[in-house]
């Protein structure tokens, strides 16, 4: 079985990482919590921002990524799908 994560799984890991930290996280912390490199994270962040699942917030010196209501709904639906797949023994 292939142990590589799908793009969708990586999107979910990023969103969950942000959600777990009160919905707001710096890029470096996302890298560690979602187990990605900075260069790989860029493309995933661009996609999540373009789909309005995350927003970028800038203050004086720092940039934070905040999960949106749409991002929270997506995670809720992803959790439901995971439960269904596990109930039928079908890995995602």
N, C-alpha and C. Protein backbone atom coordinates (compact mmCIF):
# COMPACT_ATOMS: atom_id res chain seq x y z
N UNK A 1 0.83 -1.18 0.00
CA UNK A 1 0.00 0.00 0.00
C UNK A 1 0.87 1.24 0.00
N UNK A 2 0.51 2.23 -0.77
CA UNK A 2 1.26 3.48 -0.87
C UNK A 2 1.02 4.31 0.38
N UNK A 3 2.09 4.74 1.04
CA UNK A 3 1.96 5.49 2.29
C UNK A 3 2.01 7.01 2.07
N UNK A 4 2.08 7.45 0.83
CA UNK A 4 2.11 8.88 0.55
C UNK A 4 0.72 9.48 0.76
N UNK A 5 0.70 10.69 1.27
CA UNK A 5 -0.57 11.38 1.48
C UNK A 5 -1.08 11.97 0.18
N UNK A 6 -2.37 11.92 -0.01
CA UNK A 6 -2.97 12.57 -1.17
C UNK A 6 -3.01 14.08 -0.93
N UNK A 7 -3.24 14.84 -1.98
CA UNK A 7 -3.37 16.29 -1.84
C UNK A 7 -4.50 16.63 -0.89
N UNK A 8 -5.60 15.91 -1.02
CA UNK A 8 -6.75 16.17 -0.15
C UNK A 8 -6.39 15.94 1.31
N UNK A 9 -5.67 14.88 1.59
CA UNK A 9 -5.25 14.58 2.97
C UNK A 9 -4.33 15.69 3.49
N UNK A 10 -3.47 16.21 2.65
CA UNK A 10 -2.58 17.30 3.06
C UNK A 10 -3.39 18.57 3.33
N UNK A 11 -4.37 18.88 2.48
CA UNK A 11 -5.24 20.03 2.72
C UNK A 11 -5.93 19.89 4.08
N UNK A 12 -6.43 18.69 4.35
CA UNK A 12 -7.11 18.44 5.63
C UNK A 12 -6.13 18.58 6.79
N UNK A 13 -4.92 18.07 6.65
CA UNK A 13 -3.92 18.18 7.71
C UNK A 13 -3.58 19.64 8.00
N UNK A 14 -3.47 20.44 6.96
CA UNK A 14 -3.18 21.87 7.14
C UNK A 14 -4.34 22.55 7.87
N UNK A 15 -5.55 22.32 7.39
CA UNK A 15 -6.72 22.94 8.02
C UNK A 15 -6.88 22.50 9.48
N UNK A 16 -6.67 21.22 9.75
CA UNK A 16 -6.77 20.73 11.13
C UNK A 16 -5.69 21.35 12.01
N UNK A 17 -4.50 21.52 11.47
CA UNK A 17 -3.42 22.15 12.23
C UNK A 17 -3.81 23.55 12.65
N UNK A 18 -4.38 24.30 11.74
CA UNK A 18 -4.80 25.67 12.05
C UNK A 18 -5.97 25.65 13.03
N UNK A 19 -6.93 24.77 12.79
CA UNK A 19 -8.10 24.68 13.66
C UNK A 19 -7.71 24.38 15.10
N UNK A 20 -6.78 23.48 15.29
CA UNK A 20 -6.37 23.06 16.63
C UNK A 20 -5.70 24.18 17.42
N UNK A 21 -5.17 25.14 16.72
CA UNK A 21 -4.49 26.26 17.39
C UNK A 21 -5.40 27.49 17.41
N UNK A 22 -6.63 27.27 17.81
CA UNK A 22 -7.63 28.34 17.92
C UNK A 22 -7.90 29.04 16.61
N UNK A 23 -7.70 28.32 15.52
CA UNK A 23 -8.06 28.83 14.20
C UNK A 23 -7.08 29.80 13.59
N UNK A 24 -5.89 29.96 14.18
CA UNK A 24 -4.93 30.94 13.68
C UNK A 24 -3.52 30.43 13.90
N UNK A 25 -2.70 30.44 12.83
CA UNK A 25 -1.36 29.85 12.94
C UNK A 25 -0.39 30.51 11.98
N UNK A 26 0.87 30.61 12.37
CA UNK A 26 1.92 31.12 11.49
C UNK A 26 2.36 30.01 10.54
N UNK A 27 2.92 30.44 9.43
CA UNK A 27 3.36 29.50 8.39
C UNK A 27 4.35 28.46 8.92
N UNK A 28 5.32 28.89 9.69
CA UNK A 28 6.33 27.96 10.21
C UNK A 28 5.69 26.89 11.08
N UNK A 29 4.71 27.26 11.86
CA UNK A 29 4.04 26.29 12.70
C UNK A 29 3.20 25.32 11.88
N UNK A 30 2.62 25.79 10.80
CA UNK A 30 1.88 24.90 9.90
C UNK A 30 2.84 23.86 9.32
N UNK A 31 4.03 24.31 8.91
CA UNK A 31 5.04 23.40 8.35
C UNK A 31 5.29 22.23 9.30
N UNK A 32 5.49 22.54 10.57
CA UNK A 32 5.79 21.48 11.54
C UNK A 32 4.57 20.60 11.82
N UNK A 33 3.44 21.22 12.05
CA UNK A 33 2.26 20.47 12.45
C UNK A 33 1.67 19.63 11.32
N UNK A 34 1.82 20.10 10.07
CA UNK A 34 1.29 19.35 8.93
C UNK A 34 2.37 18.49 8.26
N UNK A 35 3.59 18.52 8.81
CA UNK A 35 4.70 17.71 8.30
C UNK A 35 4.99 17.99 6.82
N UNK A 36 5.29 19.25 6.52
CA UNK A 36 5.61 19.68 5.16
C UNK A 36 6.87 20.52 5.17
N UNK A 37 7.44 20.73 4.00
CA UNK A 37 8.53 21.69 3.86
C UNK A 37 7.91 23.04 3.52
N UNK A 38 8.69 24.10 3.72
CA UNK A 38 8.20 25.45 3.38
C UNK A 38 7.82 25.53 1.91
N UNK A 39 8.67 24.98 1.05
CA UNK A 39 8.41 25.08 -0.39
C UNK A 39 7.14 24.33 -0.79
N UNK A 40 6.90 23.16 -0.21
CA UNK A 40 5.69 22.41 -0.53
C UNK A 40 4.45 23.09 0.04
N UNK A 41 4.61 23.72 1.19
CA UNK A 41 3.47 24.37 1.82
C UNK A 41 2.91 25.50 0.97
N UNK A 42 3.78 26.22 0.27
CA UNK A 42 3.35 27.39 -0.51
C UNK A 42 2.19 27.08 -1.47
N UNK A 43 2.34 26.03 -2.24
CA UNK A 43 1.30 25.66 -3.20
C UNK A 43 -0.01 25.28 -2.53
N UNK A 44 0.10 24.56 -1.43
CA UNK A 44 -1.10 24.16 -0.69
C UNK A 44 -1.79 25.36 -0.07
N UNK A 45 -1.01 26.29 0.48
CA UNK A 45 -1.62 27.50 1.04
C UNK A 45 -2.30 28.32 -0.04
N UNK A 46 -1.64 28.46 -1.19
CA UNK A 46 -2.25 29.21 -2.29
C UNK A 46 -3.61 28.62 -2.66
N UNK A 47 -3.68 27.32 -2.75
CA UNK A 47 -4.94 26.65 -3.10
C UNK A 47 -6.00 26.91 -2.03
N UNK A 48 -5.65 26.71 -0.76
CA UNK A 48 -6.61 26.88 0.33
C UNK A 48 -7.08 28.33 0.42
N UNK A 49 -6.18 29.27 0.16
CA UNK A 49 -6.57 30.68 0.15
C UNK A 49 -7.50 30.98 -1.02
N UNK A 50 -7.21 30.41 -2.19
CA UNK A 50 -8.04 30.66 -3.37
C UNK A 50 -9.44 30.09 -3.24
N UNK A 51 -9.59 29.06 -2.42
CA UNK A 51 -10.90 28.43 -2.18
C UNK A 51 -11.60 29.00 -0.95
N UNK A 52 -11.01 30.03 -0.35
CA UNK A 52 -11.56 30.69 0.84
C UNK A 52 -11.72 29.75 2.03
N UNK A 53 -10.83 28.77 2.14
CA UNK A 53 -10.83 27.88 3.29
C UNK A 53 -9.92 28.43 4.39
N UNK A 54 -8.96 29.25 3.99
CA UNK A 54 -8.08 29.99 4.89
C UNK A 54 -8.04 31.44 4.42
N UNK A 55 -7.72 32.32 5.36
CA UNK A 55 -7.42 33.70 4.99
C UNK A 55 -6.07 34.06 5.59
N UNK A 56 -5.40 35.01 4.96
CA UNK A 56 -4.11 35.48 5.43
C UNK A 56 -4.32 36.79 6.17
N UNK A 57 -3.81 36.86 7.38
CA UNK A 57 -3.91 38.07 8.19
C UNK A 57 -2.51 38.58 8.49
N UNK A 58 -2.30 39.85 8.21
CA UNK A 58 -0.98 40.44 8.46
C UNK A 58 -1.10 41.49 9.56
N UNK A 59 -0.17 41.42 10.51
CA UNK A 59 -0.06 42.52 11.46
C UNK A 59 1.29 43.17 11.23
N UNK A 60 1.79 43.90 12.16
CA UNK A 60 3.02 44.67 11.95
C UNK A 60 4.19 43.84 11.42
N UNK A 61 4.44 42.70 12.05
CA UNK A 61 5.63 41.93 11.70
C UNK A 61 5.33 40.51 11.24
N UNK A 62 4.13 40.04 11.47
CA UNK A 62 3.86 38.62 11.26
C UNK A 62 2.67 38.39 10.33
N UNK A 63 2.68 37.21 9.74
CA UNK A 63 1.56 36.77 8.91
C UNK A 63 0.98 35.51 9.55
N UNK A 64 -0.32 35.53 9.73
CA UNK A 64 -1.03 34.39 10.28
C UNK A 64 -2.02 33.86 9.25
N UNK A 65 -2.31 32.58 9.34
CA UNK A 65 -3.33 31.97 8.50
C UNK A 65 -4.47 31.56 9.41
N UNK A 66 -5.67 31.98 9.05
CA UNK A 66 -6.85 31.77 9.86
C UNK A 66 -7.84 30.93 9.08
N UNK A 67 -8.41 29.93 9.74
CA UNK A 67 -9.41 29.09 9.09
C UNK A 67 -10.73 29.86 9.01
N UNK A 68 -11.41 29.74 7.90
CA UNK A 68 -12.68 30.42 7.69
C UNK A 68 -13.84 29.51 8.09
N UNK A 69 -15.02 30.07 8.10
CA UNK A 69 -16.21 29.27 8.36
C UNK A 69 -16.35 28.18 7.30
N UNK A 70 -16.04 28.52 6.07
CA UNK A 70 -16.09 27.53 4.98
C UNK A 70 -15.07 26.42 5.23
N UNK A 71 -13.89 26.77 5.73
CA UNK A 71 -12.87 25.78 6.06
C UNK A 71 -13.32 24.85 7.17
N UNK A 72 -14.00 25.40 8.16
CA UNK A 72 -14.53 24.58 9.26
C UNK A 72 -15.62 23.63 8.75
N UNK A 73 -16.47 24.11 7.86
CA UNK A 73 -17.51 23.24 7.27
C UNK A 73 -16.87 22.12 6.47
N UNK A 74 -15.83 22.46 5.71
CA UNK A 74 -15.12 21.44 4.92
C UNK A 74 -14.55 20.35 5.84
N UNK A 75 -13.94 20.75 6.94
CA UNK A 75 -13.39 19.76 7.88
C UNK A 75 -14.49 18.88 8.46
N UNK A 76 -15.64 19.48 8.76
CA UNK A 76 -16.77 18.70 9.28
C UNK A 76 -17.21 17.65 8.29
N UNK A 77 -17.31 18.02 7.03
CA UNK A 77 -17.72 17.07 5.99
C UNK A 77 -16.64 16.01 5.76
N UNK A 78 -15.38 16.42 5.84
CA UNK A 78 -14.27 15.46 5.68
C UNK A 78 -14.30 14.43 6.81
N UNK A 79 -14.63 14.87 8.01
CA UNK A 79 -14.73 13.94 9.14
C UNK A 79 -15.86 12.93 8.93
N UNK A 80 -16.98 13.39 8.40
CA UNK A 80 -18.10 12.49 8.10
C UNK A 80 -17.68 11.44 7.07
N UNK A 81 -16.99 11.90 6.03
CA UNK A 81 -16.54 10.98 4.99
C UNK A 81 -15.56 9.95 5.55
N UNK A 82 -14.69 10.39 6.45
CA UNK A 82 -13.73 9.47 7.07
C UNK A 82 -14.47 8.40 7.89
N UNK A 83 -15.47 8.82 8.64
CA UNK A 83 -16.25 7.87 9.43
C UNK A 83 -16.96 6.85 8.55
N UNK A 84 -17.52 7.31 7.45
CA UNK A 84 -18.21 6.40 6.52
C UNK A 84 -17.22 5.42 5.90
N UNK A 85 -16.07 5.93 5.47
CA UNK A 85 -15.08 5.04 4.84
C UNK A 85 -14.57 4.00 5.82
N UNK A 86 -14.36 4.40 7.08
CA UNK A 86 -13.91 3.45 8.08
C UNK A 86 -14.97 2.40 8.39
N UNK A 87 -16.24 2.83 8.39
CA UNK A 87 -17.34 1.90 8.67
C UNK A 87 -17.43 0.80 7.61
N UNK A 88 -17.05 1.15 6.38
CA UNK A 88 -17.10 0.18 5.30
C UNK A 88 -15.74 -0.47 5.02
N UNK A 89 -14.72 -0.06 5.79
CA UNK A 89 -13.39 -0.65 5.61
C UNK A 89 -12.70 -0.22 4.35
N UNK A 90 -13.03 0.98 3.87
CA UNK A 90 -12.43 1.50 2.64
C UNK A 90 -11.52 2.66 3.01
N UNK A 91 -10.21 2.54 2.82
CA UNK A 91 -9.30 3.63 3.18
C UNK A 91 -9.44 4.80 2.22
N UNK A 92 -9.25 5.98 2.75
CA UNK A 92 -9.26 7.18 1.89
C UNK A 92 -7.86 7.54 1.48
